[in-house]
Structures are given as C-alpha cells and as structure tokens.
Amino acid sequence: MAFARCSLFLLCGMSGLLSGVWSFPLHWKNIKCPSGWTQLDCHCYIFNVGPETFVDAEKDCIMKGGNLVSIHNDLENKIVKQLIDDGGETLGWIGLHDTIANNDFLWTDGSIVDFTNFDNLEPNGDTQCVAIQADDGLWQDDPCTNTNPYVCIMDVCHGGDPSYPDCP
C-alpha cells in the first residue's frame, strides 16, 4: 500500500510539473521531509559536512532516522552529487561498501544494488567503502577510515508524519 501511495505521489508530482500546477489529495499535505532535507519521490536527503569515517557517518544517519544514501538510478545520483557540490565539498560518502567480501557491494540500508556509477578505474579493490565525486558524480572506493562529508536518506513518511497509517 505504501508503494502505491508513493507511486501516486510521484504521478501527481509529475502531473503538476507538466501542468505547472501542484495539486495533491488532502491526505498528502503532511507527507513531507523535515526542514533542511531535500525530497525526491518518497525519500528525504540531507548533506552533512562532517567529516566522519564511514561507520560514524552511518551511525549519524541512523540517529537521524535513516542510513547513508543508497542510489538506485541516475536521477538520485545527480541529486546526491548536487547536494555535495552545493555544500562546497568535492567528495562524500554514500552507503555502498564491500566490507564483507571484496567486490561484493552492499548498501547499508540493505536495498538491492541495482545501479552503480563507478569511475573507469574503480573499484580497484584497495579499499572497502564508496564515495561519490561532486564534480562528475562518479563513484570511487575510499578507505573506510578516511573522513568525508556524507549524504543521509530516509523515507518521507519517517520525516513527515511517522504516525501516518501506511508508513512502513
């Protein structure tokens, strides 16, 4: 049901963009991201200047109600790249890592790795955590103990109204 509502929200948003007028059903008015977060579809994103190690960045994102960002398409990649660039940084952690098995990448939120955007020379197997470059949006592996800015992601319903009946 939550997926259907998110799909409806996306469809309504696209209609609004095409018509130049935003019109949502009344029950959508409270479904939004907290102040300072950027909304895309059913997710909220926030840039954190940190800098933190990969593990500490993930801990901070969890404290905020989410995880380090998982990226599942080119549009999300562009949003994350832009958030880091707008923050005046050149590189930022995303939630991808291969700390369990070399070159077997996982997202910290447990979602499927269905999109990657590694630089041509990456991943080179030397390190276990992944960062995105703000200049071109390409990904590189980076030692998990390095400190970098980072982007967190959380579901819209968690940032807006957690008591909303269809929040997962």
N, C-alpha and C. Protein backbone atom coordinates (compact mmCIF):
# COMPACT_ATOMS: atom_id res chain seq x y z
N MET A 1 0.82 -1.19 0.00
CA MET A 1 0.00 0.00 0.00
C MET A 1 0.86 1.26 0.00
N ALA A 2 1.96 1.24 0.79
CA ALA A 2 2.84 2.41 0.84
C ALA A 2 3.46 2.65 -0.53
N PHE A 3 3.83 1.57 -1.24
CA PHE A 3 4.39 1.70 -2.58
C PHE A 3 3.38 2.36 -3.51
N ALA A 4 2.12 1.95 -3.41
CA ALA A 4 1.07 2.52 -4.25
C ALA A 4 0.91 4.01 -3.97
N ARG A 5 0.95 4.38 -2.69
CA ARG A 5 0.83 5.80 -2.34
C ARG A 5 2.02 6.59 -2.85
N CYS A 6 3.23 6.03 -2.73
CA CYS A 6 4.42 6.72 -3.23
C CYS A 6 4.34 6.87 -4.75
N SER A 7 3.85 5.82 -5.43
CA SER A 7 3.69 5.89 -6.88
C SER A 7 2.67 6.97 -7.24
N LEU A 8 1.58 7.03 -6.48
CA LEU A 8 0.56 8.05 -6.71
C LEU A 8 1.16 9.43 -6.49
N PHE A 9 1.96 9.57 -5.43
CA PHE A 9 2.60 10.86 -5.13
C PHE A 9 3.50 11.28 -6.29
N LEU A 10 4.30 10.34 -6.82
CA LEU A 10 5.18 10.63 -7.94
C LEU A 10 4.38 11.03 -9.16
N LEU A 11 3.30 10.28 -9.44
CA LEU A 11 2.44 10.58 -10.58
C LEU A 11 1.81 11.96 -10.43
N CYS A 12 1.32 12.28 -9.25
CA CYS A 12 0.73 13.60 -9.01
C CYS A 12 1.78 14.69 -9.19
N GLY A 13 2.97 14.44 -8.68
CA GLY A 13 4.05 15.42 -8.82
C GLY A 13 4.41 15.65 -10.26
N MET A 14 4.48 14.56 -11.05
CA MET A 14 4.80 14.70 -12.47
C MET A 14 3.69 15.45 -13.18
N SER A 15 2.44 15.20 -12.83
CA SER A 15 1.33 15.93 -13.44
C SER A 15 1.44 17.41 -13.14
N GLY A 16 1.79 17.71 -11.89
CA GLY A 16 1.93 19.10 -11.50
C GLY A 16 3.02 19.79 -12.27
N LEU A 17 4.14 19.09 -12.50
CA LEU A 17 5.23 19.67 -13.27
C LEU A 17 4.80 19.94 -14.70
N LEU A 18 4.06 18.99 -15.27
CA LEU A 18 3.63 19.15 -16.65
C LEU A 18 2.57 20.24 -16.80
N SER A 19 1.70 20.37 -15.83
CA SER A 19 0.63 21.36 -15.93
C SER A 19 1.04 22.70 -15.33
N GLY A 20 2.13 22.70 -14.57
CA GLY A 20 2.57 23.94 -13.93
C GLY A 20 1.82 24.22 -12.64
N VAL A 21 0.95 23.30 -12.23
CA VAL A 21 0.17 23.49 -11.01
C VAL A 21 0.32 22.24 -10.15
N TRP A 22 0.67 22.42 -8.88
CA TRP A 22 0.76 21.30 -7.95
C TRP A 22 -0.60 21.10 -7.30
N SER A 23 -1.15 19.93 -7.44
CA SER A 23 -2.40 19.63 -6.75
C SER A 23 -2.32 18.21 -6.20
N PHE A 24 -2.39 18.09 -4.89
CA PHE A 24 -2.30 16.81 -4.23
C PHE A 24 -3.60 16.55 -3.47
N PRO A 25 -3.93 15.28 -3.30
CA PRO A 25 -5.06 14.98 -2.43
C PRO A 25 -4.78 15.50 -1.03
N LEU A 26 -5.80 15.82 -0.29
CA LEU A 26 -5.63 16.41 1.04
C LEU A 26 -4.78 15.57 1.96
N HIS A 27 -4.85 14.23 1.90
CA HIS A 27 -4.08 13.41 2.82
C HIS A 27 -2.58 13.45 2.55
N TRP A 28 -2.15 14.08 1.45
CA TRP A 28 -0.71 14.19 1.16
C TRP A 28 -0.09 15.43 1.78
N LYS A 29 -0.89 16.34 2.27
CA LYS A 29 -0.36 17.63 2.72
C LYS A 29 0.66 17.50 3.86
N ASN A 30 0.58 16.46 4.70
CA ASN A 30 1.51 16.31 5.81
C ASN A 30 2.67 15.37 5.50
N ILE A 31 2.72 14.83 4.29
CA ILE A 31 3.78 13.90 3.94
C ILE A 31 4.90 14.71 3.28
N LYS A 32 5.89 15.04 4.09
CA LYS A 32 6.99 15.86 3.59
C LYS A 32 8.23 15.60 4.43
N CYS A 33 9.33 16.13 3.96
CA CYS A 33 10.60 15.99 4.65
C CYS A 33 10.76 17.08 5.70
N PRO A 34 11.57 16.79 6.73
CA PRO A 34 11.85 17.83 7.73
C PRO A 34 12.61 18.99 7.10
N SER A 35 12.60 20.11 7.76
CA SER A 35 13.31 21.29 7.30
C SER A 35 14.79 20.96 7.09
N GLY A 36 15.34 21.42 5.99
CA GLY A 36 16.75 21.20 5.68
C GLY A 36 17.00 19.97 4.83
N TRP A 37 15.99 19.11 4.69
CA TRP A 37 16.12 17.91 3.88
C TRP A 37 15.56 18.19 2.49
N THR A 38 16.04 17.47 1.48
CA THR A 38 15.56 17.59 0.10
C THR A 38 14.73 16.37 -0.23
N GLN A 39 13.56 16.57 -0.82
CA GLN A 39 12.67 15.46 -1.13
C GLN A 39 12.75 15.11 -2.61
N LEU A 40 12.84 13.80 -2.89
CA LEU A 40 12.71 13.26 -4.23
C LEU A 40 11.84 12.02 -4.10
N ASP A 41 10.71 12.03 -4.75
CA ASP A 41 9.76 10.92 -4.66
C ASP A 41 9.43 10.65 -3.19
N CYS A 42 9.67 9.45 -2.73
CA CYS A 42 9.29 9.06 -1.37
C CYS A 42 10.48 9.05 -0.41
N HIS A 43 11.52 9.80 -0.74
CA HIS A 43 12.72 9.83 0.10
C HIS A 43 13.16 11.26 0.41
N CYS A 44 13.78 11.41 1.56
CA CYS A 44 14.37 12.67 2.00
C CYS A 44 15.89 12.50 2.03
N TYR A 45 16.61 13.53 1.60
CA TYR A 45 18.06 13.50 1.54
C TYR A 45 18.61 14.71 2.28
N ILE A 46 19.74 14.52 2.97
CA ILE A 46 20.39 15.66 3.62
C ILE A 46 21.91 15.49 3.52
N PHE A 47 22.58 16.60 3.20
CA PHE A 47 24.04 16.63 3.15
C PHE A 47 24.57 16.98 4.53
N ASN A 48 25.59 16.29 4.94
CA ASN A 48 26.24 16.53 6.23
C ASN A 48 27.71 16.81 5.98
N VAL A 49 28.17 17.97 6.40
CA VAL A 49 29.55 18.36 6.12
C VAL A 49 30.55 17.51 6.90
N GLY A 50 30.13 16.94 8.04
CA GLY A 50 31.03 16.06 8.82
C GLY A 50 32.34 16.75 9.15
N PRO A 51 33.45 16.23 8.73
CA PRO A 51 33.63 14.94 8.09
C PRO A 51 33.65 13.82 9.12
N GLU A 52 33.25 12.63 8.66
CA GLU A 52 33.20 11.45 9.52
C GLU A 52 33.77 10.25 8.78
N THR A 53 34.19 9.25 9.54
CA THR A 53 34.53 7.97 8.92
C THR A 53 33.24 7.37 8.39
N PHE A 54 33.35 6.36 7.57
CA PHE A 54 32.16 5.70 7.00
C PHE A 54 31.24 5.20 8.11
N VAL A 55 31.80 4.52 9.09
CA VAL A 55 31.00 3.95 10.18
C VAL A 55 30.33 5.05 11.00
N ASP A 56 31.06 6.11 11.32
CA ASP A 56 30.47 7.21 12.10
C ASP A 56 29.41 7.97 11.30
N ALA A 57 29.62 8.08 9.98
CA ALA A 57 28.61 8.72 9.12
C ALA A 57 27.33 7.89 9.12
N GLU A 58 27.45 6.57 9.00
CA GLU A 58 26.27 5.70 9.04
C GLU A 58 25.56 5.81 10.38
N LYS A 59 26.33 5.84 11.48
CA LYS A 59 25.72 5.99 12.81
C LYS A 59 24.93 7.29 12.90
N ASP A 60 25.49 8.38 12.37
CA ASP A 60 24.79 9.66 12.41
C ASP A 60 23.51 9.60 11.58
N CYS A 61 23.57 8.99 10.42
CA CYS A 61 22.37 8.86 9.59
C CYS A 61 21.30 8.04 10.31
N ILE A 62 21.69 6.98 10.99
CA ILE A 62 20.73 6.17 11.74
C ILE A 62 20.09 7.02 12.84
N MET A 63 20.90 7.84 13.52
CA MET A 63 20.36 8.72 14.57
C MET A 63 19.34 9.70 14.00
N LYS A 64 19.49 10.06 12.72
CA LYS A 64 18.57 10.97 12.05
C LYS A 64 17.34 10.26 11.51
N GLY A 65 17.30 8.93 11.62
CA GLY A 65 16.14 8.17 11.16
C GLY A 65 16.32 7.51 9.81
N GLY A 66 17.57 7.43 9.31
CA GLY A 66 17.79 6.83 8.01
C GLY A 66 19.07 6.03 7.95
N ASN A 67 19.73 6.14 6.80
CA ASN A 67 21.01 5.47 6.54
C ASN A 67 21.83 6.36 5.62
N LEU A 68 23.10 5.99 5.46
CA LEU A 68 23.85 6.61 4.37
C LEU A 68 23.06 6.33 3.08
N VAL A 69 23.11 7.28 2.16
CA VAL A 69 22.27 7.21 0.97
C VAL A 69 22.57 5.98 0.12
N SER A 70 21.51 5.33 -0.33
CA SER A 70 21.60 4.30 -1.36
C SER A 70 21.08 4.96 -2.64
N ILE A 71 21.74 4.67 -3.75
CA ILE A 71 21.42 5.31 -5.02
C ILE A 71 20.98 4.23 -6.00
N HIS A 72 19.78 4.41 -6.57
CA HIS A 72 19.22 3.36 -7.42
C HIS A 72 18.95 3.79 -8.86
N ASN A 73 19.30 5.02 -9.20
CA ASN A 73 19.13 5.45 -10.59
C ASN A 73 19.94 6.74 -10.83
N ASP A 74 20.00 7.14 -12.08
CA ASP A 74 20.81 8.30 -12.45
C ASP A 74 20.28 9.60 -11.82
N LEU A 75 18.97 9.74 -11.70
CA LEU A 75 18.41 10.95 -11.10
C LEU A 75 18.84 11.08 -9.64
N GLU A 76 18.73 9.98 -8.88
CA GLU A 76 19.20 10.02 -7.49
C GLU A 76 20.68 10.37 -7.42
N ASN A 77 21.47 9.80 -8.33
CA ASN A 77 22.91 10.07 -8.36
C ASN A 77 23.16 11.57 -8.57
N LYS A 78 22.39 12.16 -9.47
CA LYS A 78 22.55 13.60 -9.74
C LYS A 78 22.15 14.44 -8.52
N ILE A 79 21.09 14.04 -7.82
CA ILE A 79 20.66 14.76 -6.62
C ILE A 79 21.75 14.71 -5.56
N VAL A 80 22.31 13.53 -5.31
CA VAL A 80 23.35 13.37 -4.29
C VAL A 80 24.59 14.16 -4.67
N LYS A 81 25.00 14.07 -5.94
CA LYS A 81 26.14 14.84 -6.44
C LYS A 81 25.92 16.33 -6.20
N GLN A 82 24.72 16.81 -6.51
CA GLN A 82 24.41 18.24 -6.37
C GLN A 82 24.41 18.67 -4.90
N LEU A 83 23.88 17.83 -4.01
CA LEU A 83 23.88 18.17 -2.59
C LEU A 83 25.31 18.36 -2.08
N ILE A 84 26.21 17.48 -2.49
CA ILE A 84 27.61 17.58 -2.05
C ILE A 84 28.27 18.81 -2.68
N ASP A 85 28.01 19.02 -3.96
CA ASP A 85 28.57 20.18 -4.65
C ASP A 85 28.06 21.49 -4.04
N ASP A 86 26.75 21.56 -3.76
CA ASP A 86 26.17 22.76 -3.15
C ASP A 86 26.73 23.00 -1.75
N GLY A 87 27.16 21.93 -1.08
CA GLY A 87 27.77 22.05 0.24
C GLY A 87 29.22 22.48 0.18
N GLY A 88 29.74 22.70 -1.03
CA GLY A 88 31.10 23.18 -1.20
C GLY A 88 32.16 22.10 -1.04
N GLU A 89 31.75 20.84 -1.15
CA GLU A 89 32.69 19.74 -0.99
C GLU A 89 32.94 19.06 -2.33
N THR A 90 33.99 18.25 -2.40
CA THR A 90 34.34 17.57 -3.65
C THR A 90 34.04 16.08 -3.63
N LEU A 91 33.80 15.53 -2.44
CA LEU A 91 33.63 14.09 -2.28
C LEU A 91 32.74 13.83 -1.08
N GLY A 92 31.92 12.78 -1.14
CA GLY A 92 31.08 12.45 0.01
C GLY A 92 30.75 10.98 0.06
N TRP A 93 30.63 10.44 1.29
CA TRP A 93 30.26 9.04 1.47
C TRP A 93 28.86 8.78 0.95
N ILE A 94 28.68 7.62 0.31
CA ILE A 94 27.37 7.05 0.06
C ILE A 94 27.36 5.71 0.81
N GLY A 95 26.25 5.03 0.89
CA GLY A 95 26.14 3.85 1.73
C GLY A 95 26.61 2.54 1.15
N LEU A 96 27.40 2.58 0.08
CA LEU A 96 27.86 1.36 -0.56
C LEU A 96 29.20 0.92 0.02
N HIS A 97 29.33 -0.37 0.27
CA HIS A 97 30.59 -0.91 0.81
C HIS A 97 30.74 -2.37 0.41
N ASP A 98 31.99 -2.86 0.50
CA ASP A 98 32.24 -4.28 0.28
C ASP A 98 33.08 -4.84 1.43
N THR A 99 32.69 -4.49 2.64
CA THR A 99 33.45 -4.88 3.82
C THR A 99 33.32 -6.35 4.17
N ILE A 100 32.31 -7.03 3.64
CA ILE A 100 32.12 -8.46 3.96
C ILE A 100 32.91 -9.33 2.99
N ALA A 101 32.81 -9.05 1.69
CA ALA A 101 33.55 -9.80 0.67
C ALA A 101 34.02 -8.81 -0.41
N ASN A 102 35.27 -8.90 -0.80
CA ASN A 102 35.84 -7.98 -1.79
C ASN A 102 35.04 -8.00 -3.09
N ASN A 103 34.68 -6.81 -3.55
CA ASN A 103 33.90 -6.58 -4.77
C ASN A 103 32.50 -7.20 -4.74
N ASP A 104 31.98 -7.46 -3.57
CA ASP A 104 30.59 -7.87 -3.38
C ASP A 104 29.92 -6.73 -2.60
N PHE A 105 29.46 -5.74 -3.33
CA PHE A 105 29.00 -4.49 -2.72
C PHE A 105 27.59 -4.62 -2.16
N LEU A 106 27.37 -3.93 -1.03
CA LEU A 106 26.09 -3.90 -0.33
C LEU A 106 25.78 -2.46 0.06
N TRP A 107 24.48 -2.13 0.12
CA TRP A 107 24.04 -0.85 0.66
C TRP A 107 23.82 -1.00 2.16
N THR A 108 24.12 0.03 2.93
CA THR A 108 23.93 -0.04 4.38
C THR A 108 22.47 -0.20 4.76
N ASP A 109 21.54 0.22 3.90
CA ASP A 109 20.11 0.08 4.21
C ASP A 109 19.56 -1.29 3.80
N GLY A 110 20.42 -2.14 3.23
CA GLY A 110 20.01 -3.48 2.83
C GLY A 110 19.32 -3.57 1.49
N SER A 111 19.16 -2.45 0.79
CA SER A 111 18.49 -2.49 -0.51
C SER A 111 19.39 -3.13 -1.57
N ILE A 112 18.78 -3.53 -2.66
CA ILE A 112 19.47 -4.22 -3.75
C ILE A 112 20.39 -3.25 -4.49
N VAL A 113 21.57 -3.71 -4.86
CA VAL A 113 22.49 -2.91 -5.68
C VAL A 113 22.05 -3.09 -7.14
N ASP A 114 21.22 -2.15 -7.62
CA ASP A 114 20.68 -2.24 -8.96
C ASP A 114 21.17 -1.11 -9.86
N PHE A 115 22.09 -0.28 -9.35
CA PHE A 115 22.66 0.83 -10.10
C PHE A 115 24.05 1.09 -9.52
N THR A 116 25.03 1.29 -10.38
CA THR A 116 26.36 1.74 -9.95
C THR A 116 26.85 2.79 -10.93
N ASN A 117 27.79 3.60 -10.48
CA ASN A 117 28.34 4.66 -11.33
C ASN A 117 29.83 4.84 -11.03
N PHE A 118 30.55 3.73 -10.98
CA PHE A 118 31.98 3.78 -10.68
C PHE A 118 32.77 4.44 -11.80
N ASP A 119 33.80 5.17 -11.40
CA ASP A 119 34.79 5.71 -12.33
C ASP A 119 35.42 4.52 -13.07
N ASN A 120 35.97 4.74 -14.25
CA ASN A 120 36.53 3.66 -15.07
C ASN A 120 37.57 2.82 -14.33
N LEU A 121 38.35 3.43 -13.47
CA LEU A 121 39.41 2.71 -12.76
C LEU A 121 38.93 2.12 -11.44
N GLU A 122 37.68 2.25 -11.14
CA GLU A 122 37.12 1.81 -9.85
C GLU A 122 36.08 0.71 -10.06
N PRO A 123 35.77 -0.06 -9.07
CA PRO A 123 36.53 -0.16 -7.82
C PRO A 123 37.84 -0.89 -8.08
N ASN A 124 38.87 -0.45 -7.39
CA ASN A 124 40.18 -1.05 -7.64
C ASN A 124 40.55 -2.09 -6.59
N GLY A 125 39.64 -2.37 -5.67
CA GLY A 125 39.85 -3.44 -4.71
C GLY A 125 40.74 -3.09 -3.54
N ASP A 126 41.27 -1.87 -3.54
CA ASP A 126 42.18 -1.48 -2.47
C ASP A 126 41.46 -1.11 -1.18
N THR A 127 40.24 -0.64 -1.30
CA THR A 127 39.51 -0.15 -0.13
C THR A 127 38.10 -0.71 -0.14
N GLN A 128 37.33 -0.43 0.92
CA GLN A 128 36.07 -1.12 1.10
C GLN A 128 34.83 -0.25 1.14
N CYS A 129 34.96 1.07 1.16
CA CYS A 129 33.80 1.95 1.23
C CYS A 129 33.78 2.86 0.00
N VAL A 130 32.61 3.39 -0.32
CA VAL A 130 32.44 4.12 -1.58
C VAL A 130 32.02 5.56 -1.32
N ALA A 131 32.63 6.46 -2.10
CA ALA A 131 32.30 7.89 -2.05
C ALA A 131 31.95 8.35 -3.47
N ILE A 132 31.16 9.42 -3.56
CA ILE A 132 30.79 10.00 -4.84
C ILE A 132 31.54 11.32 -5.02
N GLN A 133 32.01 11.56 -6.24
CA GLN A 133 32.73 12.78 -6.55
C GLN A 133 31.72 13.85 -6.98
N ALA A 134 31.83 15.04 -6.42
CA ALA A 134 30.87 16.10 -6.70
C ALA A 134 31.04 16.71 -8.09
N ASP A 135 32.22 16.61 -8.68
CA ASP A 135 32.41 17.24 -9.98
C ASP A 135 31.75 16.47 -11.12
N ASP A 136 31.78 15.13 -11.07
CA ASP A 136 31.23 14.35 -12.18
C ASP A 136 30.21 13.28 -11.75
N GLY A 137 30.00 13.11 -10.45
CA GLY A 137 29.04 12.12 -9.96
C GLY A 137 29.52 10.69 -10.04
N LEU A 138 30.80 10.49 -10.38
CA LEU A 138 31.33 9.14 -10.44
C LEU A 138 31.73 8.66 -9.06
N TRP A 139 31.72 7.34 -8.87
CA TRP A 139 32.00 6.75 -7.57
C TRP A 139 33.42 6.22 -7.53
N GLN A 140 33.98 6.25 -6.33
CA GLN A 140 35.30 5.67 -6.12
C GLN A 140 35.33 4.97 -4.78
N ASP A 141 36.18 3.93 -4.69
CA ASP A 141 36.33 3.31 -3.38
C ASP A 141 37.36 4.12 -2.60
N ASP A 142 37.17 4.16 -1.29
CA ASP A 142 37.96 5.02 -0.42
C ASP A 142 38.12 4.27 0.91
N PRO A 143 39.25 4.40 1.56
CA PRO A 143 39.39 3.71 2.86
C PRO A 143 38.27 4.14 3.82
N CYS A 144 37.66 3.17 4.47
CA CYS A 144 36.54 3.44 5.38
C CYS A 144 36.93 4.32 6.55
N THR A 145 38.23 4.36 6.86
CA THR A 145 38.71 5.17 7.98
C THR A 145 38.98 6.62 7.59
N ASN A 146 38.94 6.93 6.28
CA ASN A 146 39.05 8.34 5.87
C ASN A 146 37.83 9.09 6.39
N THR A 147 37.98 10.38 6.56
CA THR A 147 36.83 11.20 6.97
C THR A 147 36.36 12.02 5.78
N ASN A 148 35.07 11.94 5.50
CA ASN A 148 34.44 12.64 4.38
C ASN A 148 33.09 13.20 4.81
N PRO A 149 32.62 14.22 4.09
CA PRO A 149 31.21 14.61 4.23
C PRO A 149 30.36 13.43 3.75
N TYR A 150 29.03 13.50 3.92
CA TYR A 150 28.18 12.37 3.56
C TYR A 150 26.74 12.82 3.36
N VAL A 151 25.97 11.95 2.73
CA VAL A 151 24.55 12.21 2.49
C VAL A 151 23.74 11.09 3.13
N CYS A 152 22.72 11.47 3.89
CA CYS A 152 21.79 10.52 4.50
C CYS A 152 20.49 10.50 3.70
N ILE A 153 19.79 9.38 3.80
CA ILE A 153 18.48 9.21 3.17
C ILE A 153 17.52 8.62 4.20
N MET A 154 16.26 9.01 4.13
CA MET A 154 15.21 8.36 4.92
C MET A 154 13.91 8.42 4.14
N ASP A 155 12.98 7.56 4.51
CA ASP A 155 11.67 7.57 3.87
C ASP A 155 10.94 8.86 4.22
N VAL A 156 10.16 9.36 3.28
CA VAL A 156 9.39 10.58 3.51
C VAL A 156 8.50 10.44 4.73
N CYS A 157 7.81 9.32 4.87
CA CYS A 157 6.85 9.21 5.97
C CYS A 157 7.56 9.27 7.31
N HIS A 158 8.79 8.82 7.42
CA HIS A 158 9.51 8.90 8.68
C HIS A 158 9.88 10.34 9.01
N GLY A 159 10.13 11.15 7.97
CA GLY A 159 10.49 12.54 8.21
C GLY A 159 9.29 13.44 8.38
N GLY A 160 8.17 13.05 7.81
CA GLY A 160 6.98 13.89 7.89
C GLY A 160 6.11 13.53 9.08
N ASP A 161 5.38 12.46 8.96
CA ASP A 161 4.42 12.07 10.00
C ASP A 161 4.55 10.58 10.26
N PRO A 162 5.39 10.18 11.24
CA PRO A 162 5.60 8.76 11.48
C PRO A 162 4.35 8.02 11.94
N SER A 163 3.33 8.73 12.37
CA SER A 163 2.10 8.06 12.79
C SER A 163 1.16 7.83 11.61
N TYR A 164 1.54 8.30 10.43
CA TYR A 164 0.70 8.09 9.25
C TYR A 164 0.47 6.60 9.05
N PRO A 165 -0.76 6.15 8.88
CA PRO A 165 -1.08 4.72 8.95
C PRO A 165 -0.35 3.84 7.94
N ASP A 166 0.04 4.34 6.78
CA ASP A 166 0.64 3.48 5.78
C ASP A 166 2.17 3.57 5.74
N CYS A 167 2.78 4.22 6.73
CA CYS A 167 4.25 4.24 6.77
C CYS A 167 4.75 2.85 7.09
N PRO A 168 5.81 2.41 6.38
CA PRO A 168 6.33 1.06 6.65
C PRO A 168 6.97 0.97 8.01
